[in-house]
All heavy atoms as atom14 arrays in JSON, in Angstrom:
{
  "sequence": "MHHESNSFNPIVAGENDFNVMRGKEFFDNIRENDSLSGVVKTLM",
  "atom14_mask": [
    [1, 1, 1, 1, 1, 1, 1, 1, 0, 0, 0, 0, 0, 0],
    [1, 1, 1, 1, 1, 1, 1, 1, 1, 1, 0, 0, 0, 0],
    [1, 1, 1, 1, 1, 1, 1, 1, 1, 1, 0, 0, 0, 0],
    [1, 1, 1, 1, 1, 1, 1, 1, 1, 0, 0, 0, 0, 0],
    [1, 1, 1, 1, 1, 1, 0, 0, 0, 0, 0, 0, 0, 0],
    [1, 1, 1, 1, 1, 1, 1, 1, 0, 0, 0, 0, 0, 0],
    [1, 1, 1, 1, 1, 1, 0, 0, 0, 0, 0, 0, 0, 0],
    [1, 1, 1, 1, 1, 1, 1, 1, 1, 1, 1, 0, 0, 0],
    [1, 1, 1, 1, 1, 1, 1, 1, 0, 0, 0, 0, 0, 0],
    [1, 1, 1, 1, 1, 1, 1, 0, 0, 0, 0, 0, 0, 0],
    [1, 1, 1, 1, 1, 1, 1, 1, 0, 0, 0, 0, 0, 0],
    [1, 1, 1, 1, 1, 1, 1, 0, 0, 0, 0, 0, 0, 0],
    [1, 1, 1, 1, 1, 0, 0, 0, 0, 0, 0, 0, 0, 0],
    [1, 1, 1, 1, 0, 0, 0, 0, 0, 0, 0, 0, 0, 0],
    [1, 1, 1, 1, 1, 1, 1, 1, 1, 0, 0, 0, 0, 0],
    [1, 1, 1, 1, 1, 1, 1, 1, 0, 0, 0, 0, 0, 0],
    [1, 1, 1, 1, 1, 1, 1, 1, 0, 0, 0, 0, 0, 0],
    [1, 1, 1, 1, 1, 1, 1, 1, 1, 1, 1, 0, 0, 0],
    [1, 1, 1, 1, 1, 1, 1, 1, 0, 0, 0, 0, 0, 0],
    [1, 1, 1, 1, 1, 1, 1, 0, 0, 0, 0, 0, 0, 0],
    [1, 1, 1, 1, 1, 1, 1, 1, 0, 0, 0, 0, 0, 0],
    [1, 1, 1, 1, 1, 1, 1, 1, 1, 1, 1, 0, 0, 0],
    [1, 1, 1, 1, 0, 0, 0, 0, 0, 0, 0, 0, 0, 0],
    [1, 1, 1, 1, 1, 1, 1, 1, 1, 0, 0, 0, 0, 0],
    [1, 1, 1, 1, 1, 1, 1, 1, 1, 0, 0, 0, 0, 0],
    [1, 1, 1, 1, 1, 1, 1, 1, 1, 1, 1, 0, 0, 0],
    [1, 1, 1, 1, 1, 1, 1, 1, 1, 1, 1, 0, 0, 0],
    [1, 1, 1, 1, 1, 1, 1, 1, 0, 0, 0, 0, 0, 0],
    [1, 1, 1, 1, 1, 1, 1, 1, 0, 0, 0, 0, 0, 0],
    [1, 1, 1, 1, 1, 1, 1, 1, 0, 0, 0, 0, 0, 0],
    [1, 1, 1, 1, 1, 1, 1, 1, 1, 1, 1, 0, 0, 0],
    [1, 1, 1, 1, 1, 1, 1, 1, 1, 0, 0, 0, 0, 0],
    [1, 1, 1, 1, 1, 1, 1, 1, 0, 0, 0, 0, 0, 0],
    [1, 1, 1, 1, 1, 1, 1, 1, 0, 0, 0, 0, 0, 0],
    [1, 1, 1, 1, 1, 1, 0, 0, 0, 0, 0, 0, 0, 0],
    [1, 1, 1, 1, 1, 1, 1, 1, 0, 0, 0, 0, 0, 0],
    [1, 1, 1, 1, 1, 1, 0, 0, 0, 0, 0, 0, 0, 0],
    [1, 1, 1, 1, 0, 0, 0, 0, 0, 0, 0, 0, 0, 0],
    [1, 1, 1, 1, 1, 1, 1, 0, 0, 0, 0, 0, 0, 0],
    [1, 1, 1, 1, 1, 1, 1, 0, 0, 0, 0, 0, 0, 0],
    [1, 1, 1, 1, 1, 1, 1, 1, 1, 0, 0, 0, 0, 0],
    [1, 1, 1, 1, 1, 1, 1, 0, 0, 0, 0, 0, 0, 0],
    [1, 1, 1, 1, 1, 1, 1, 1, 0, 0, 0, 0, 0, 0],
    [1, 1, 1, 1, 1, 1, 1, 1, 0, 0, 0, 0, 0, 0]
  ],
  "atom14_positions": [
    [[1.14, -3.37, 4.29], [1.64, -2.14, 4.9], [2.96, -1.81, 4.21], [3.89, -2.63, 4.21], [1.88, -2.28, 6.41], [0.64, -2.45, 7.25], [0.94, -2.26, 9.04], [2.32, -3.35, 9.32], [0.0, 0.0, 0.0], [0.0, 0.0, 0.0], [0.0, 0.0, 0.0], [0.0, 0.0, 0.0], [0.0, 0.0, 0.0], [0.0, 0.0, 0.0]],
    [[3.03, -0.63, 3.61], [4.25, -0.24, 2.9], [4.67, 1.16, 3.3], [4.0, 2.14, 2.99], [4.02, -0.29, 1.38], [4.05, -1.67, 0.82], [5.18, -2.25, 0.29], [3.08, -2.61, 0.74], [4.89, -3.48, -0.1], [3.63, -3.73, 0.15], [0.0, 0.0, 0.0], [0.0, 0.0, 0.0], [0.0, 0.0, 0.0], [0.0, 0.0, 0.0]],
    [[5.78, 1.23, 4.0], [6.37, 2.52, 4.33], [7.82, 2.3, 4.72], [8.13, 1.41, 5.51], [5.64, 3.21, 5.48], [6.09, 4.63, 5.68], [7.04, 4.98, 6.6], [5.72, 5.77, 5.06], [7.24, 6.3, 6.55], [6.45, 6.79, 5.61], [0.0, 0.0, 0.0], [0.0, 0.0, 0.0], [0.0, 0.0, 0.0], [0.0, 0.0, 0.0]],
    [[8.71, 3.11, 4.16], [10.12, 3.09, 4.49], [10.36, 4.29, 5.39], [10.21, 5.43, 4.95], [10.94, 3.19, 3.19], [12.34, 2.69, 3.28], [12.95, 2.57, 1.89], [12.8, 3.5, 1.08], [13.56, 1.54, 1.6], [0.0, 0.0, 0.0], [0.0, 0.0, 0.0], [0.0, 0.0, 0.0], [0.0, 0.0, 0.0], [0.0, 0.0, 0.0]],
    [[10.71, 4.05, 6.65], [10.7, 5.11, 7.66], [12.11, 5.58, 7.98], [12.93, 4.82, 8.5], [10.02, 4.6, 8.93], [8.74, 4.06, 8.64], [0.0, 0.0, 0.0], [0.0, 0.0, 0.0], [0.0, 0.0, 0.0], [0.0, 0.0, 0.0], [0.0, 0.0, 0.0], [0.0, 0.0, 0.0], [0.0, 0.0, 0.0], [0.0, 0.0, 0.0]],
    [[12.37, 6.85, 7.69], [13.68, 7.45, 7.88], [13.71, 8.16, 9.23], [13.05, 9.19, 9.43], [13.93, 8.44, 6.74], [15.32, 9.03, 6.74], [15.86, 9.35, 7.79], [15.89, 9.2, 5.57], [0.0, 0.0, 0.0], [0.0, 0.0, 0.0], [0.0, 0.0, 0.0], [0.0, 0.0, 0.0], [0.0, 0.0, 0.0], [0.0, 0.0, 0.0]],
    [[14.49, 7.64, 10.16], [14.5, 8.2, 11.52], [15.23, 9.53, 11.6], [15.12, 10.25, 12.6], [15.14, 7.21, 12.5], [16.51, 7.04, 12.23], [0.0, 0.0, 0.0], [0.0, 0.0, 0.0], [0.0, 0.0, 0.0], [0.0, 0.0, 0.0], [0.0, 0.0, 0.0], [0.0, 0.0, 0.0], [0.0, 0.0, 0.0], [0.0, 0.0, 0.0]],
    [[15.98, 9.91, 10.55], [16.67, 11.2, 10.54], [15.78, 12.32, 10.0], [16.14, 13.49, 10.06], [17.94, 11.1, 9.7], [18.94, 10.12, 10.25], [19.12, 8.88, 9.64], [19.68, 10.41, 11.38], [20.02, 7.97, 10.14], [20.59, 9.49, 11.89], [20.76, 8.27, 11.27], [0.0, 0.0, 0.0], [0.0, 0.0, 0.0], [0.0, 0.0, 0.0]],
    [[14.62, 11.95, 9.48], [13.64, 12.91, 8.96], [12.68, 13.28, 10.09], [12.04, 12.39, 10.67], [12.88, 12.26, 7.79], [11.79, 13.14, 7.2], [11.47, 14.2, 7.72], [11.19, 12.68, 6.12], [0.0, 0.0, 0.0], [0.0, 0.0, 0.0], [0.0, 0.0, 0.0], [0.0, 0.0, 0.0], [0.0, 0.0, 0.0], [0.0, 0.0, 0.0]],
    [[12.52, 14.55, 10.41], [11.67, 14.93, 11.54], [10.17, 14.79, 11.29], [9.38, 14.85, 12.23], [12.03, 16.4, 11.77], [12.5, 16.89, 10.44], [13.21, 15.71, 9.81], [0.0, 0.0, 0.0], [0.0, 0.0, 0.0], [0.0, 0.0, 0.0], [0.0, 0.0, 0.0], [0.0, 0.0, 0.0], [0.0, 0.0, 0.0], [0.0, 0.0, 0.0]],
    [[9.76, 14.61, 10.03], [8.33, 14.47, 9.74], [7.8, 13.18, 10.35], [8.43, 12.13, 10.25], [8.08, 14.46, 8.22], [8.52, 15.78, 7.58], [6.6, 14.2, 7.91], [8.46, 15.78, 6.06], [0.0, 0.0, 0.0], [0.0, 0.0, 0.0], [0.0, 0.0, 0.0], [0.0, 0.0, 0.0], [0.0, 0.0, 0.0], [0.0, 0.0, 0.0]],
    [[6.64, 13.24, 10.99], [5.95, 12.05, 11.47], [4.82, 11.76, 10.48], [3.91, 12.57, 10.3], [5.38, 12.25, 12.9], [4.6, 11.01, 13.33], [6.51, 12.54, 13.88], [0.0, 0.0, 0.0], [0.0, 0.0, 0.0], [0.0, 0.0, 0.0], [0.0, 0.0, 0.0], [0.0, 0.0, 0.0], [0.0, 0.0, 0.0], [0.0, 0.0, 0.0]],
    [[4.91, 10.64, 9.8], [3.93, 10.29, 8.77], [2.65, 9.78, 9.43], [2.71, 8.9, 10.29], [4.5, 9.24, 7.83], [0.0, 0.0, 0.0], [0.0, 0.0, 0.0], [0.0, 0.0, 0.0], [0.0, 0.0, 0.0], [0.0, 0.0, 0.0], [0.0, 0.0, 0.0], [0.0, 0.0, 0.0], [0.0, 0.0, 0.0], [0.0, 0.0, 0.0]],
    [[1.52, 10.33, 9.0], [0.25, 9.94, 9.61], [-0.84, 9.72, 8.58], [-0.58, 9.47, 7.4], [0.0, 0.0, 0.0], [0.0, 0.0, 0.0], [0.0, 0.0, 0.0], [0.0, 0.0, 0.0], [0.0, 0.0, 0.0], [0.0, 0.0, 0.0], [0.0, 0.0, 0.0], [0.0, 0.0, 0.0], [0.0, 0.0, 0.0], [0.0, 0.0, 0.0]],
    [[-2.04, 9.83, 9.04], [-3.21, 9.49, 8.22], [-3.23, 10.22, 6.88], [-3.57, 9.64, 5.84], [-4.49, 9.82, 9.0], [-5.77, 9.47, 8.28], [-7.0, 9.74, 9.13], [-6.84, 10.24, 10.27], [-8.11, 9.46, 8.66], [0.0, 0.0, 0.0], [0.0, 0.0, 0.0], [0.0, 0.0, 0.0], [0.0, 0.0, 0.0], [0.0, 0.0, 0.0]],
    [[-2.86, 11.49, 6.87], [-2.91, 12.27, 5.63], [-1.84, 11.88, 4.62], [-1.92, 12.26, 3.45], [-2.79, 13.77, 5.95], [-3.98, 14.3, 6.71], [-5.09, 13.75, 6.59], [-3.79, 15.34, 7.49], [0.0, 0.0, 0.0], [0.0, 0.0, 0.0], [0.0, 0.0, 0.0], [0.0, 0.0, 0.0], [0.0, 0.0, 0.0], [0.0, 0.0, 0.0]],
    [[-0.84, 11.13, 5.06], [0.24, 10.72, 4.17], [-0.02, 9.37, 3.51], [0.61, 9.03, 2.51], [1.56, 10.65, 4.94], [1.95, 11.99, 5.52], [2.3, 12.88, 4.73], [1.89, 12.14, 6.75], [0.0, 0.0, 0.0], [0.0, 0.0, 0.0], [0.0, 0.0, 0.0], [0.0, 0.0, 0.0], [0.0, 0.0, 0.0], [0.0, 0.0, 0.0]],
    [[-0.93, 8.6, 4.07], [-1.16, 7.23, 3.62], [-2.39, 7.12, 2.73], [-3.39, 7.81, 2.94], [-1.35, 6.29, 4.81], [-0.06, 5.84, 5.44], [0.61, 6.66, 6.33], [0.48, 4.6, 5.15], [1.8, 6.26, 6.92], [1.66, 4.19, 5.73], [2.32, 5.01, 6.62], [0.0, 0.0, 0.0], [0.0, 0.0, 0.0], [0.0, 0.0, 0.0]],
    [[-2.27, 6.24, 1.74], [-3.45, 5.81, 1.0], [-3.88, 4.48, 1.6], [-3.08, 3.54, 1.69], [-3.13, 5.64, -0.48], [-4.35, 5.16, -1.26], [-4.62, 3.98, -1.34], [-5.1, 6.1, -1.81], [0.0, 0.0, 0.0], [0.0, 0.0, 0.0], [0.0, 0.0, 0.0], [0.0, 0.0, 0.0], [0.0, 0.0, 0.0], [0.0, 0.0, 0.0]],
    [[-5.12, 4.4, 2.02], [-5.63, 3.2, 2.68], [-6.73, 2.59, 1.81], [-7.66, 3.28, 1.39], [-6.17, 3.52, 4.09], [-6.71, 2.25, 4.75], [-5.06, 4.14, 4.95], [0.0, 0.0, 0.0], [0.0, 0.0, 0.0], [0.0, 0.0, 0.0], [0.0, 0.0, 0.0], [0.0, 0.0, 0.0], [0.0, 0.0, 0.0], [0.0, 0.0, 0.0]],
    [[-6.6, 1.3, 1.53], [-7.61, 0.58, 0.75], [-8.23, -0.5, 1.62], [-7.56, -1.11, 2.45], [-6.99, -0.07, -0.49], [-6.43, 0.88, -1.51], [-6.1, 0.08, -3.11], [-5.02, -1.28, -2.62], [0.0, 0.0, 0.0], [0.0, 0.0, 0.0], [0.0, 0.0, 0.0], [0.0, 0.0, 0.0], [0.0, 0.0, 0.0], [0.0, 0.0, 0.0]],
    [[-9.51, -0.76, 1.34], [-10.23, -1.78, 2.08], [-11.15, -2.55, 1.14], [-11.61, -2.0, 0.13], [-11.07, -1.14, 3.2], [-10.26, -0.39, 4.25], [-11.16, 0.33, 5.23], [-10.4, 0.94, 6.33], [-9.89, 2.17, 6.3], [-10.04, 2.93, 5.21], [-9.22, 2.63, 7.34], [0.0, 0.0, 0.0], [0.0, 0.0, 0.0], [0.0, 0.0, 0.0]],
    [[-11.41, -3.79, 1.49], [-12.43, -4.57, 0.8], [-12.27, -4.64, -0.71], [-11.21, -5.0, -1.24], [0.0, 0.0, 0.0], [0.0, 0.0, 0.0], [0.0, 0.0, 0.0], [0.0, 0.0, 0.0], [0.0, 0.0, 0.0], [0.0, 0.0, 0.0], [0.0, 0.0, 0.0], [0.0, 0.0, 0.0], [0.0, 0.0, 0.0], [0.0, 0.0, 0.0]],
    [[-13.32, -4.25, -1.42], [-13.38, -4.35, -2.87], [-12.26, -3.58, -3.55], [-11.86, -3.9, -4.69], [-14.75, -3.85, -3.34], [-15.02, -3.97, -4.83], [-16.46, -3.6, -5.15], [-16.71, -3.64, -6.65], [-16.05, -2.54, -7.36], [0.0, 0.0, 0.0], [0.0, 0.0, 0.0], [0.0, 0.0, 0.0], [0.0, 0.0, 0.0], [0.0, 0.0, 0.0]],
    [[-11.73, -2.55, -2.89], [-10.65, -1.74, -3.49], [-9.42, -2.58, -3.81], [-8.66, -2.26, -4.71], [-10.28, -0.6, -2.55], [-11.35, 0.45, -2.4], [-10.97, 1.52, -1.4], [-10.75, 1.17, -0.22], [-10.86, 2.69, -1.79], [0.0, 0.0, 0.0], [0.0, 0.0, 0.0], [0.0, 0.0, 0.0], [0.0, 0.0, 0.0], [0.0, 0.0, 0.0]],
    [[-9.21, -3.68, -3.09], [-8.1, -4.58, -3.38], [-8.2, -5.09, -4.82], [-7.19, -5.24, -5.5], [-8.09, -5.77, -2.42], [-7.42, -5.53, -1.1], [-7.71, -4.39, -0.35], [-6.52, -6.43, -0.58], [-7.1, -4.17, 0.88], [-5.9, -6.23, 0.65], [-6.19, -5.1, 1.38], [0.0, 0.0, 0.0], [0.0, 0.0, 0.0], [0.0, 0.0, 0.0]],
    [[-9.41, -5.4, -5.24], [-9.61, -6.0, -6.55], [-9.76, -4.95, -7.65], [-9.51, -5.22, -8.82], [-10.86, -6.89, -6.52], [-10.87, -7.84, -5.35], [-11.77, -7.69, -4.31], [-9.94, -8.89, -5.27], [-11.78, -8.56, -3.22], [-9.93, -9.75, -4.19], [-10.85, -9.59, -3.17], [0.0, 0.0, 0.0], [0.0, 0.0, 0.0], [0.0, 0.0, 0.0]],
    [[-10.13, -3.74, -7.27], [-10.29, -2.65, -8.25], [-8.96, -1.97, -8.57], [-8.91, -1.14, -9.47], [-11.27, -1.6, -7.71], [-12.68, -2.12, -7.58], [-13.0, -3.13, -8.24], [-13.47, -1.54, -6.81], [0.0, 0.0, 0.0], [0.0, 0.0, 0.0], [0.0, 0.0, 0.0], [0.0, 0.0, 0.0], [0.0, 0.0, 0.0], [0.0, 0.0, 0.0]],
    [[-7.92, -2.29, -7.81], [-6.63, -1.6, -7.99], [-5.5, -2.58, -8.27], [-4.39, -2.43, -7.77], [-6.31, -0.76, -6.75], [-7.18, 0.48, -6.63], [-6.92, 1.48, -7.28], [-8.23, 0.4, -5.81], [0.0, 0.0, 0.0], [0.0, 0.0, 0.0], [0.0, 0.0, 0.0], [0.0, 0.0, 0.0], [0.0, 0.0, 0.0], [0.0, 0.0, 0.0]],
    [[-5.77, -3.6, -9.09], [-4.72, -4.5, -9.52], [-3.79, -3.73, -10.46], [-4.23, -3.19, -11.47], [-5.29, -5.73, -10.25], [-6.21, -6.53, -9.31], [-4.17, -6.61, -10.78], [-5.5, -7.16, -8.13], [0.0, 0.0, 0.0], [0.0, 0.0, 0.0], [0.0, 0.0, 0.0], [0.0, 0.0, 0.0], [0.0, 0.0, 0.0], [0.0, 0.0, 0.0]],
    [[-2.51, -3.63, -10.09], [-1.58, -2.77, -10.83], [-0.32, -3.54, -11.2], [0.04, -4.51, -10.55], [-1.19, -1.55, -9.97], [-2.36, -0.65, -9.59], [-1.91, 0.47, -8.68], [-1.47, -0.01, -7.37], [-0.49, 0.54, -6.66], [0.18, 1.57, -7.13], [-0.18, 0.06, -5.47], [0.0, 0.0, 0.0], [0.0, 0.0, 0.0], [0.0, 0.0, 0.0]],
    [[0.33, -3.05, -12.24], [1.63, -3.61, -12.59], [2.66, -3.23, -11.53], [2.57, -2.2, -10.89], [2.09, -3.06, -13.95], [1.22, -3.49, -15.13], [1.74, -2.94, -16.43], [2.76, -2.21, -16.42], [1.13, -3.24, -17.48], [0.0, 0.0, 0.0], [0.0, 0.0, 0.0], [0.0, 0.0, 0.0], [0.0, 0.0, 0.0], [0.0, 0.0, 0.0]],
    [[3.65, -4.09, -11.37], [4.76, -3.83, -10.46], [4.3, -3.44, -9.05], [4.77, -2.48, -8.45], [5.7, -2.75, -11.01], [7.09, -2.83, -10.39], [7.56, -3.93, -10.09], [7.73, -1.7, -10.19], [0.0, 0.0, 0.0], [0.0, 0.0, 0.0], [0.0, 0.0, 0.0], [0.0, 0.0, 0.0], [0.0, 0.0, 0.0], [0.0, 0.0, 0.0]],
    [[3.36, -4.22, -8.54], [2.82, -3.99, -7.2], [2.71, -5.35, -6.51], [2.05, -6.27, -7.02], [1.44, -3.33, -7.31], [0.75, -3.23, -5.96], [1.3, -2.6, -5.06], [-0.35, -3.8, -5.82], [0.0, 0.0, 0.0], [0.0, 0.0, 0.0], [0.0, 0.0, 0.0], [0.0, 0.0, 0.0], [0.0, 0.0, 0.0], [0.0, 0.0, 0.0]],
    [[3.37, -5.49, -5.37], [3.43, -6.8, -4.71], [2.07, -7.26, -4.19], [1.75, -8.45, -4.25], [4.46, -6.78, -3.57], [4.19, -5.74, -2.66], [0.0, 0.0, 0.0], [0.0, 0.0, 0.0], [0.0, 0.0, 0.0], [0.0, 0.0, 0.0], [0.0, 0.0, 0.0], [0.0, 0.0, 0.0], [0.0, 0.0, 0.0], [0.0, 0.0, 0.0]],
    [[1.26, -6.32, -3.69], [-0.08, -6.7, -3.24], [-0.89, -7.25, -4.41], [-1.59, -8.27, -4.27], [-0.8, -5.49, -2.63], [-2.26, -5.72, -2.2], [-2.35, -6.82, -1.16], [-2.87, -4.43, -1.68], [0.0, 0.0, 0.0], [0.0, 0.0, 0.0], [0.0, 0.0, 0.0], [0.0, 0.0, 0.0], [0.0, 0.0, 0.0], [0.0, 0.0, 0.0]],
    [[-0.79, -6.62, -5.57], [-1.49, -7.12, -6.76], [-0.99, -8.51, -7.13], [-1.78, -9.39, -7.54], [-1.29, -6.17, -7.94], [-1.87, -4.9, -7.68], [0.0, 0.0, 0.0], [0.0, 0.0, 0.0], [0.0, 0.0, 0.0], [0.0, 0.0, 0.0], [0.0, 0.0, 0.0], [0.0, 0.0, 0.0], [0.0, 0.0, 0.0], [0.0, 0.0, 0.0]],
    [[0.33, -8.74, -6.99], [0.88, -10.06, -7.27], [0.31, -11.12, -6.36], [-0.01, -12.24, -6.8], [0.0, 0.0, 0.0], [0.0, 0.0, 0.0], [0.0, 0.0, 0.0], [0.0, 0.0, 0.0], [0.0, 0.0, 0.0], [0.0, 0.0, 0.0], [0.0, 0.0, 0.0], [0.0, 0.0, 0.0], [0.0, 0.0, 0.0], [0.0, 0.0, 0.0]],
    [[0.15, -10.79, -5.08], [-0.44, -11.72, -4.12], [-1.88, -12.02, -4.49], [-2.31, -13.18, -4.62], [-0.36, -11.16, -2.69], [-1.2, -12.0, -1.73], [1.08, -11.1, -2.21], [0.0, 0.0, 0.0], [0.0, 0.0, 0.0], [0.0, 0.0, 0.0], [0.0, 0.0, 0.0], [0.0, 0.0, 0.0], [0.0, 0.0, 0.0], [0.0, 0.0, 0.0]],
    [[-2.67, -10.97, -4.66], [-4.12, -11.11, -4.89], [-4.39, -11.88, -6.18], [-5.18, -12.84, -6.2], [-4.79, -9.72, -4.93], [-6.24, -9.85, -5.4], [-4.74, -9.06, -3.56], [0.0, 0.0, 0.0], [0.0, 0.0, 0.0], [0.0, 0.0, 0.0], [0.0, 0.0, 0.0], [0.0, 0.0, 0.0], [0.0, 0.0, 0.0], [0.0, 0.0, 0.0]],
    [[-3.76, -11.47, -7.28], [-4.04, -12.09, -8.57], [-3.62, -13.56, -8.6], [-4.34, -14.42, -9.12], [-3.35, -11.34, -9.7], [-3.81, -11.78, -11.09], [-3.26, -10.89, -12.17], [-3.88, -11.25, -13.52], [-3.75, -12.67, -13.87], [0.0, 0.0, 0.0], [0.0, 0.0, 0.0], [0.0, 0.0, 0.0], [0.0, 0.0, 0.0], [0.0, 0.0, 0.0]],
    [[-2.46, -13.87, -8.01], [-1.98, -15.25, -8.0], [-2.91, -16.16, -7.21], [-3.23, -17.28, -7.65], [-0.56, -15.31, -7.42], [0.29, -14.45, -8.19], [0.0, -16.72, -7.47], [0.0, 0.0, 0.0], [0.0, 0.0, 0.0], [0.0, 0.0, 0.0], [0.0, 0.0, 0.0], [0.0, 0.0, 0.0], [0.0, 0.0, 0.0], [0.0, 0.0, 0.0]],
    [[-3.36, -15.7, -6.07], [-4.29, -16.51, -5.26], [-5.63, -16.68, -5.96], [-6.2, -17.78, -5.97], [-4.48, -15.85, -3.89], [-3.26, -15.87, -2.95], [-3.55, -15.05, -1.7], [-2.87, -17.29, -2.57], [0.0, 0.0, 0.0], [0.0, 0.0, 0.0], [0.0, 0.0, 0.0], [0.0, 0.0, 0.0], [0.0, 0.0, 0.0], [0.0, 0.0, 0.0]],
    [[-6.13, -15.61, -6.57], [-7.42, -15.71, -7.28], [-7.31, -16.65, -8.48], [-8.2, -17.48, -8.71], [-7.87, -14.32, -7.73], [-8.3, -13.41, -6.6], [-8.69, -11.72, -7.16], [-10.1, -12.06, -8.23], [0.0, 0.0, 0.0], [0.0, 0.0, 0.0], [0.0, 0.0, 0.0], [0.0, 0.0, 0.0], [0.0, 0.0, 0.0], [0.0, 0.0, 0.0]]
  ]
}
């Protein structure tokens, strides 16, 4: 879960603001400079 939430900003971030990945997408989106990718690749 990655979001930096600014309480002085009136926007409420919801479903349309987030990119959600599930299952196989974890392995299809191994990226540079991404902590989730670092976790997944190191464990694999």
